[in-house]
Amino acid sequence: MMKNRRKKIKPFYNPPHLLLKQMVMVLLYAVLVGWNKKAFLQWLLQGKNLIHAGAGAKQICCFGLNPHVVWEMTSRCNLKCIHCHAFGGDASYAEDELSKEEGMALIDQIASSDIRSFVFTGGEPLLREDLFDLIEYAKSMGFTVFIATNGTLITKEVAKLLREFDVGVVIGLDAMNPEIHDRIRGVEGAFDAVIEGIENCIAENLYLHLNIVASRPNFDEIERIIDFGTEIGVYSYFIYRFVPFGRGEEIRDYELGRGDFKAFLDLILEKQREVRAIIIPVASPEYWAYVLQKRGIHSRRIINFLGRFFGGCLAGKGMMYIKPNGDVWACPFLPVHVGNVRKERIDRIWENLEKFGYEYTNAGGNSDCNGCEYAPVCGGCKTREEDWGCPLRR
């Protein structure tokens, strides 16, 4: 029945000028980072994955594409990750989830707001019994769909279902050393289970993306994970700079310091030049400014032009993060309440998000960013108001 519903989402080639902008965007990205031509072409020529990754993209930002919606559909989880911003697996946070019917109503509203990319996350979304009903409904509207998961519950049968619905799979992997990964994920055997899940995804030729949370204990593992991803054909990576939020507040000493952060940006830039996948730093909008600075680009006109394609911090201007109870935040690491989908329409919530971004910027935001020439491509991370040590500051 759902397969016969009329799609509301525009196809990737409509409007043509957006497709042209996306083509310019990826070419500019490749030039600015110095992406190896052969590696870039191998990534670019995976047409189906490219369309999946860039659905409706107007900019590349610190949390992926602008715009997109992420629904944290449950806080239930089978792991106890020490850095989890959502307190995944804590029963006290697993109440009052949006129902299946409310989820469908949410999808309907978002389908009318010119958003094309929809991410189901958690907690662990595979613990929602109605997940595939909701995925099917989102696909019937024409959404490009991703599922962000710890990967441990992706059996062969689950992988086949994900393939049937053409779902992009985002899997968290924090080390190639099993002991380190299991320690971070809070459950013994998590590494073996996630590798099995990844292998099941590969067997079904799914769009595969890896999330890495970079902290002091696993910093030396980041390059190993990227190299592993290259071997298995990963199409994209998010590398999160660990933000001490949620359960992560208990391990603040894991946060990268000034020297670590510069090494972090250098590592991403170095690996991006050689791998056949796109690497996006998360909670690190300074990356775009850092790249331009290293290339000696200081012209305000050029920086403003590039700001049309690379937007830095996405909070308040292109991301809607929906909590299990329907509360909407501007970012998963920024608990600023801008509405609730049970009580307000999506268009009104988008207005609140844009107002938040405008007010934050005009109130000065991170004062260290005031007057920075790279503000159009960066703007600083809105989750960090303290002196954390911007690598551009001399």
Protein backbone atom coordinates (compact mmCIF):
# COMPACT_ATOMS: atom_id res chain seq x y z
CA MET A 1 0.00 0.00 0.00
CA MET A 2 2.73 2.45 0.98
CA LYS A 3 4.63 1.79 -2.21
CA ASN A 4 1.70 3.29 -4.14
CA ARG A 5 1.71 6.54 -2.19
CA ARG A 6 2.51 9.68 -4.10
CA LYS A 7 6.05 10.86 -3.39
CA LYS A 8 6.43 14.37 -2.04
CA ILE A 9 10.20 14.71 -2.20
CA LYS A 10 11.76 16.16 -5.33
CA PRO A 11 14.18 13.90 -7.25
CA PHE A 12 17.90 14.66 -6.97
CA TYR A 13 18.01 16.44 -10.34
CA ASN A 14 15.25 18.90 -9.45
CA PRO A 15 15.92 21.80 -9.48
CA PRO A 16 18.82 21.61 -11.95
CA HIS A 17 20.66 24.56 -10.39
CA LEU A 18 20.94 22.67 -7.08
CA LEU A 19 22.53 19.73 -8.85
CA LEU A 20 24.96 22.13 -10.53
CA LYS A 21 25.81 23.69 -7.17
CA GLN A 22 26.51 20.24 -5.71
CA MET A 23 28.86 19.44 -8.60
CA VAL A 24 30.75 22.69 -8.02
CA MET A 25 30.80 21.97 -4.29
CA VAL A 26 32.51 18.60 -4.55
CA LEU A 27 34.99 19.90 -7.13
CA LEU A 28 35.91 22.84 -4.90
CA TYR A 29 36.25 20.49 -1.95
CA ALA A 30 38.60 18.21 -3.90
CA VAL A 31 40.77 21.15 -4.99
CA LEU A 32 40.94 22.79 -1.57
CA VAL A 33 41.96 19.64 0.30
CA GLY A 34 44.30 18.47 -2.47
CA TRP A 35 42.39 15.21 -2.94
CA ASN A 36 44.39 12.76 -5.05
CA LYS A 37 42.79 12.83 -8.52
CA LYS A 38 42.54 9.06 -8.89
CA ALA A 39 41.07 8.59 -5.40
CA PHE A 40 38.62 11.46 -5.94
CA LEU A 41 37.43 10.08 -9.27
CA GLN A 42 36.95 6.63 -7.75
CA TRP A 43 34.72 8.24 -5.11
CA LEU A 44 32.93 10.51 -7.57
CA LEU A 45 32.12 7.76 -10.05
CA GLN A 46 30.12 5.78 -7.50
CA GLY A 47 27.05 7.55 -8.82
CA LYS A 48 24.38 5.85 -6.73
CA ASN A 49 26.26 6.49 -3.50
CA LEU A 50 27.00 10.07 -4.55
CA ILE A 51 23.30 10.76 -5.06
CA HIS A 52 22.50 9.10 -1.73
CA ALA A 53 25.14 11.12 0.13
CA GLY A 54 24.19 14.48 -1.35
CA ALA A 55 20.40 14.37 -1.26
CA GLY A 56 19.27 17.99 -1.31
CA ALA A 57 22.66 19.30 -0.15
CA LYS A 58 23.12 23.07 -0.30
CA GLN A 59 26.35 23.11 1.70
CA ILE A 60 28.86 20.78 3.32
CA CYS A 61 29.02 21.64 7.01
CA CYS A 62 30.46 20.34 10.26
CA PHE A 63 27.64 17.81 10.63
CA GLY A 64 27.35 16.73 7.03
CA LEU A 65 24.97 18.28 4.57
CA ASN A 66 22.80 21.34 4.96
CA PRO A 67 19.88 20.71 5.41
CA HIS A 68 18.95 17.42 7.05
CA VAL A 69 16.83 15.95 9.83
CA VAL A 70 17.97 13.46 12.47
CA TRP A 71 15.40 11.66 14.61
CA GLU A 72 16.75 10.10 17.80
CA MET A 73 13.84 7.70 17.83
CA THR A 74 14.82 5.87 21.03
CA SER A 75 17.33 6.09 23.86
CA ARG A 76 17.17 2.33 24.31
CA CYS A 77 20.51 0.72 23.48
CA ASN A 78 22.33 -2.56 23.90
CA LEU A 79 25.64 -0.78 24.57
CA LYS A 80 26.82 1.68 27.24
CA CYS A 81 29.17 3.96 25.31
CA ILE A 82 31.15 6.16 27.68
CA HIS A 83 30.88 9.17 25.34
CA CYS A 84 27.17 8.84 24.50
CA HIS A 85 25.51 12.26 24.31
CA ALA A 86 22.06 10.61 24.49
CA PHE A 87 22.63 8.45 27.60
CA GLY A 88 21.89 5.44 25.39
CA GLY A 89 20.90 2.34 27.32
CA ASP A 90 19.81 4.24 30.42
CA ALA A 91 16.24 3.11 31.15
CA SER A 92 15.34 6.44 32.76
CA TYR A 93 15.77 8.13 29.36
CA ALA A 94 13.74 5.57 27.38
CA GLU A 95 10.25 6.83 28.20
CA ASP A 96 7.77 8.93 26.27
CA GLU A 97 9.05 8.06 22.77
CA LEU A 98 7.11 9.26 19.75
CA SER A 99 4.76 6.50 18.67
CA LYS A 100 4.73 4.94 15.22
CA GLU A 101 1.75 7.12 14.27
CA GLU A 102 3.47 10.25 15.58
CA GLY A 103 6.60 9.26 13.65
CA MET A 104 4.60 8.98 10.44
CA ALA A 105 3.02 12.38 11.07
CA LEU A 106 6.51 13.80 11.62
CA ILE A 107 7.71 12.31 8.33
CA ASP A 108 4.68 13.80 6.55
CA GLN A 109 5.45 17.28 7.84
CA ILE A 110 9.16 17.11 7.02
CA ALA A 111 8.32 15.88 3.51
CA SER A 112 6.60 19.24 2.95
CA SER A 113 9.59 21.31 4.08
CA ASP A 114 12.01 20.71 1.18
CA ILE A 115 14.21 18.34 3.24
CA ARG A 116 15.39 15.26 1.36
CA SER A 117 17.68 13.44 3.80
CA PHE A 118 16.27 11.68 6.88
CA VAL A 119 18.38 9.91 9.52
CA PHE A 120 16.98 7.42 12.04
CA THR A 121 19.23 7.18 15.09
CA GLY A 122 19.21 6.48 18.82
CA GLY A 123 20.23 5.01 21.23
CA GLU A 124 20.04 2.01 18.98
CA PRO A 125 17.28 2.41 16.36
CA LEU A 126 17.24 -1.31 15.59
CA LEU A 127 15.63 -1.80 19.00
CA ARG A 128 12.49 -0.04 17.74
CA GLU A 129 10.13 -2.79 16.58
CA ASP A 130 8.50 -0.41 14.11
CA LEU A 131 11.76 0.86 12.58
CA PHE A 132 11.28 -0.75 9.18
CA ASP A 133 7.63 0.35 9.01
CA LEU A 134 8.84 3.92 9.52
CA ILE A 135 11.69 3.48 7.03
CA GLU A 136 9.21 2.17 4.47
CA TYR A 137 6.97 5.15 5.11
CA ALA A 138 9.84 7.63 4.74
CA LYS A 139 10.92 5.94 1.51
CA SER A 140 7.35 6.12 0.20
CA MET A 141 7.56 9.90 0.62
CA GLY A 142 10.74 9.94 -1.45
CA PHE A 143 13.27 10.55 1.35
CA THR A 144 16.86 9.43 1.11
CA VAL A 145 17.19 7.43 4.32
CA PHE A 146 20.10 6.64 6.62
CA ILE A 147 20.22 4.63 9.82
CA ALA A 148 22.86 5.52 12.43
CA THR A 149 23.60 2.43 14.49
CA ASN A 150 26.28 0.82 16.63
CA GLY A 151 26.25 -2.00 14.07
CA THR A 152 26.12 -4.87 16.54
CA LEU A 153 22.55 -5.88 15.66
CA ILE A 154 22.96 -5.95 11.88
CA THR A 155 22.41 -9.61 11.17
CA LYS A 156 22.33 -11.02 7.64
CA GLU A 157 18.54 -10.72 7.71
CA VAL A 158 18.66 -7.09 8.86
CA ALA A 159 21.21 -6.26 6.17
CA LYS A 160 18.92 -7.74 3.53
CA LEU A 161 16.05 -5.55 4.78
CA LEU A 162 18.26 -2.48 4.67
CA ARG A 163 19.16 -3.38 1.12
CA GLU A 164 15.51 -3.86 0.18
CA PHE A 165 14.71 -0.33 1.35
CA ASP A 166 17.95 1.17 0.00
CA VAL A 167 19.05 2.53 3.39
CA GLY A 168 22.46 4.11 3.93
CA VAL A 169 24.14 2.58 6.97
CA VAL A 170 26.10 4.71 9.43
CA ILE A 171 28.11 2.60 11.88
CA GLY A 172 30.16 3.70 14.88
CA LEU A 173 33.67 2.27 15.12
CA ASP A 174 36.10 3.75 17.64
CA ALA A 175 39.15 1.48 17.39
CA MET A 176 40.65 -1.43 15.49
CA ASN A 177 42.00 -2.66 18.81
CA PRO A 178 39.11 -4.74 20.24
CA GLU A 179 39.97 -3.89 23.85
CA ILE A 180 39.90 -0.15 23.21
CA HIS A 181 36.66 -0.31 21.23
CA ASP A 182 34.93 -2.47 23.85
CA ARG A 183 36.12 -0.19 26.66
CA ILE A 184 34.68 2.86 24.89
CA ARG A 185 31.47 1.05 23.99
CA GLY A 186 31.00 -0.28 27.50
CA VAL A 187 30.26 -3.91 26.56
CA GLU A 188 32.67 -6.80 26.07
CA GLY A 189 32.39 -8.31 22.59
CA ALA A 190 31.12 -5.09 20.97
CA PHE A 191 34.05 -5.03 18.54
CA ASP A 192 33.47 -8.55 17.23
CA ALA A 193 29.75 -7.82 16.87
CA VAL A 194 30.24 -4.56 14.96
CA ILE A 195 32.76 -6.14 12.58
CA GLU A 196 30.24 -8.89 11.86
CA GLY A 197 27.59 -6.23 11.23
CA ILE A 198 29.91 -4.39 8.86
CA GLU A 199 30.65 -7.60 6.98
CA ASN A 200 26.92 -8.24 6.60
CA CYS A 201 26.50 -4.75 5.13
CA ILE A 202 29.35 -5.34 2.69
CA ALA A 203 27.78 -8.62 1.59
CA GLU A 204 24.63 -6.71 0.62
CA ASN A 205 26.60 -3.91 -1.08
CA LEU A 206 25.04 -1.26 1.15
CA TYR A 207 26.04 2.39 1.32
CA LEU A 208 28.50 2.24 4.21
CA HIS A 209 29.60 5.15 6.37
CA LEU A 210 31.76 5.03 9.51
CA ASN A 211 31.46 7.32 12.53
CA ILE A 212 34.57 7.75 14.69
CA VAL A 213 34.57 9.66 17.98
CA ALA A 214 38.08 11.08 18.41
CA SER A 215 39.31 11.33 21.98
CA ARG A 216 42.65 11.00 23.69
CA PRO A 217 42.36 7.23 24.42
CA ASN A 218 41.69 6.30 20.78
CA PHE A 219 43.54 9.03 18.89
CA ASP A 220 46.15 6.60 17.56
CA GLU A 221 43.35 4.35 16.28
CA ILE A 222 41.79 6.91 13.93
CA GLU A 223 44.19 6.34 11.04
CA ARG A 224 43.85 2.57 11.43
CA ILE A 225 40.06 2.84 11.19
CA ILE A 226 40.27 4.99 8.07
CA ASP A 227 42.68 2.52 6.47
CA PHE A 228 40.31 -0.33 7.36
CA GLY A 229 37.47 1.62 5.76
CA THR A 230 39.52 2.04 2.61
CA GLU A 231 40.03 -1.74 2.41
CA ILE A 232 36.31 -2.52 2.71
CA GLY A 233 35.01 0.29 0.49
CA VAL A 234 33.55 2.82 2.96
CA TYR A 235 32.04 5.76 1.06
CA SER A 236 32.10 8.42 3.78
CA TYR A 237 33.25 9.14 7.33
CA PHE A 238 32.21 11.44 10.13
CA ILE A 239 35.06 11.98 12.57
CA TYR A 240 33.66 13.56 15.70
CA ARG A 241 35.76 15.66 17.97
CA PHE A 242 34.67 14.28 21.35
CA VAL A 243 32.31 16.72 23.09
CA PRO A 244 31.96 16.13 26.87
CA PHE A 245 28.17 16.13 26.85
CA GLY A 246 25.64 13.59 28.10
CA ARG A 247 27.43 10.62 29.57
CA GLY A 248 30.62 12.16 28.21
CA GLU A 249 30.56 14.80 30.96
CA GLU A 250 32.04 12.16 33.26
CA ILE A 251 35.19 11.84 31.12
CA ARG A 252 36.10 15.43 30.33
CA ASP A 253 39.79 14.58 30.45
CA TYR A 254 39.29 12.55 27.23
CA GLU A 255 38.69 15.78 25.28
CA LEU A 256 41.34 16.80 22.75
CA GLY A 257 43.48 19.74 23.80
CA ARG A 258 44.86 22.51 21.58
CA GLY A 259 47.84 20.50 20.35
CA ASP A 260 45.75 17.36 19.92
CA PHE A 261 43.13 19.27 17.95
CA LYS A 262 45.65 20.66 15.48
CA ALA A 263 47.07 17.15 15.01
CA PHE A 264 43.48 15.93 14.56
CA LEU A 265 42.84 18.42 11.74
CA ASP A 266 46.18 17.62 10.11
CA LEU A 267 45.41 13.89 10.22
CA ILE A 268 42.01 14.36 8.59
CA LEU A 269 43.46 16.56 5.87
CA GLU A 270 46.31 14.12 5.21
CA LYS A 271 44.01 11.10 4.99
CA GLN A 272 41.44 12.95 2.88
CA ARG A 273 44.06 13.53 0.22
CA GLU A 274 44.61 9.81 -0.30
CA VAL A 275 41.41 7.86 0.48
CA ARG A 276 38.48 6.97 -1.79
CA ALA A 277 35.92 8.42 0.60
CA ILE A 278 34.87 11.82 1.84
CA ILE A 279 35.83 12.70 5.42
CA ILE A 280 33.74 15.23 7.34
CA PRO A 281 34.91 16.43 10.77
CA VAL A 282 32.02 16.84 13.23
CA ALA A 283 31.96 19.45 16.00
CA SER A 284 35.00 20.90 14.25
CA PRO A 285 33.83 23.68 11.91
CA GLU A 286 37.34 25.12 12.23
CA TYR A 287 38.48 22.51 9.70
CA TRP A 288 37.27 24.57 6.76
CA ALA A 289 39.05 27.68 8.01
CA TYR A 290 42.18 25.66 8.74
CA VAL A 291 42.26 24.29 5.19
CA LEU A 292 41.94 27.79 3.70
CA GLN A 293 44.59 29.20 6.01
CA LYS A 294 47.03 26.44 5.06
CA ARG A 295 46.45 27.28 1.40
CA GLY A 296 47.13 30.96 2.07
CA ILE A 297 43.61 32.09 1.19
CA HIS A 298 42.81 35.38 2.95
CA SER A 299 40.73 37.25 0.38
CA ARG A 300 37.38 38.17 1.94
CA ARG A 301 35.71 37.91 -1.48
CA ILE A 302 36.97 34.36 -2.03
CA ILE A 303 36.09 33.31 1.53
CA ASN A 304 32.58 34.71 1.19
CA PHE A 305 32.19 32.84 -2.10
CA LEU A 306 33.37 29.58 -0.55
CA GLY A 307 30.96 30.13 2.33
CA ARG A 308 28.14 29.41 -0.10
CA PHE A 309 29.42 25.82 -0.31
CA PHE A 310 31.09 25.17 3.07
CA GLY A 311 29.03 26.42 5.97
CA GLY A 312 30.97 25.52 9.11
CA CYS A 313 28.74 25.03 12.17
CA LEU A 314 25.35 23.66 11.14
CA ALA A 315 23.48 24.47 14.36
CA GLY A 316 20.71 26.96 13.73
CA LYS A 317 20.92 26.98 9.97
CA GLY A 318 20.35 23.54 8.50
CA MET A 319 20.05 20.79 11.09
CA MET A 320 17.00 19.64 13.00
CA TYR A 321 17.76 17.15 15.76
CA ILE A 322 14.65 15.53 17.20
CA LYS A 323 14.80 13.82 20.60
CA PRO A 324 12.75 10.70 21.46
CA ASN A 325 9.99 12.75 23.13
CA GLY A 326 9.72 15.15 20.18
CA ASP A 327 11.86 17.98 21.57
CA VAL A 328 13.92 19.67 18.86
CA TRP A 329 17.51 20.85 19.33
CA ALA A 330 19.79 22.70 16.95
CA CYS A 331 22.54 20.10 17.48
CA PRO A 332 22.81 16.82 19.42
CA PHE A 333 25.47 18.43 21.62
CA LEU A 334 23.54 21.66 22.20
CA PRO A 335 20.45 21.22 24.42
CA VAL A 336 18.74 24.43 23.34
CA HIS A 337 15.03 23.68 23.09
CA VAL A 338 13.51 25.27 19.97
CA GLY A 339 10.22 23.39 19.89
CA ASN A 340 8.46 20.04 20.13
CA VAL A 341 6.99 18.21 17.15
CA ARG A 342 4.06 17.05 19.28
CA LYS A 343 3.05 20.64 20.00
CA GLU A 344 4.22 22.75 17.05
CA ARG A 345 4.34 22.49 13.31
CA ILE A 346 7.65 21.84 11.60
CA ASP A 347 7.62 25.13 9.71
CA ARG A 348 7.33 27.03 12.99
CA ILE A 349 10.18 25.00 14.50
CA TRP A 350 12.38 25.76 11.48
CA GLU A 351 11.70 29.45 12.08
CA ASN A 352 12.80 29.02 15.70
CA LEU A 353 15.98 27.27 14.57
CA GLU A 354 16.84 30.04 12.15
CA LYS A 355 16.10 32.64 14.81
CA PHE A 356 18.41 30.81 17.22
CA GLY A 357 21.23 30.82 14.67
CA TYR A 358 20.71 34.52 13.93
CA GLU A 359 20.51 35.53 17.59
CA TYR A 360 23.57 33.49 18.51
CA THR A 361 25.63 35.05 15.75
CA ASN A 362 24.51 38.58 16.45
CA ALA A 363 24.95 38.15 20.20
CA GLY A 364 28.59 37.44 19.52
CA GLY A 365 28.44 33.67 19.99
CA ASN A 366 31.94 32.57 20.82
CA SER A 367 33.58 35.94 21.35
CA ASP A 368 36.90 34.59 20.09
CA CYS A 369 35.31 34.28 16.64
CA ASN A 370 34.34 37.94 16.40
CA GLY A 371 36.05 39.56 13.45
CA CYS A 372 37.67 36.35 12.20
CA GLU A 373 38.17 36.48 8.44
CA TYR A 374 37.09 32.84 8.14
CA ALA A 375 33.70 33.27 9.83
CA PRO A 376 31.74 32.54 6.60
CA VAL A 377 33.18 29.00 6.43
CA CYS A 378 33.45 28.34 10.16
CA GLY A 379 31.75 30.51 12.77
CA GLY A 380 33.11 28.44 15.64
CA CYS A 381 31.41 25.52 17.38
CA LYS A 382 28.34 26.70 19.28
CA THR A 383 28.81 23.96 21.88
CA ARG A 384 32.11 25.50 23.02
CA GLU A 385 31.98 28.85 24.72
CA GLU A 386 35.06 28.40 26.87
CA ASP A 387 38.67 28.95 25.78
CA TRP A 388 39.32 25.65 24.01
CA GLY A 389 42.17 26.77 21.79
CA CYS A 390 41.32 27.55 18.18
CA PRO A 391 44.19 26.41 15.93
CA LEU A 392 43.87 29.60 13.86
CA ARG A 393 44.54 31.82 16.85
CA ARG A 394 48.16 32.91 16.99
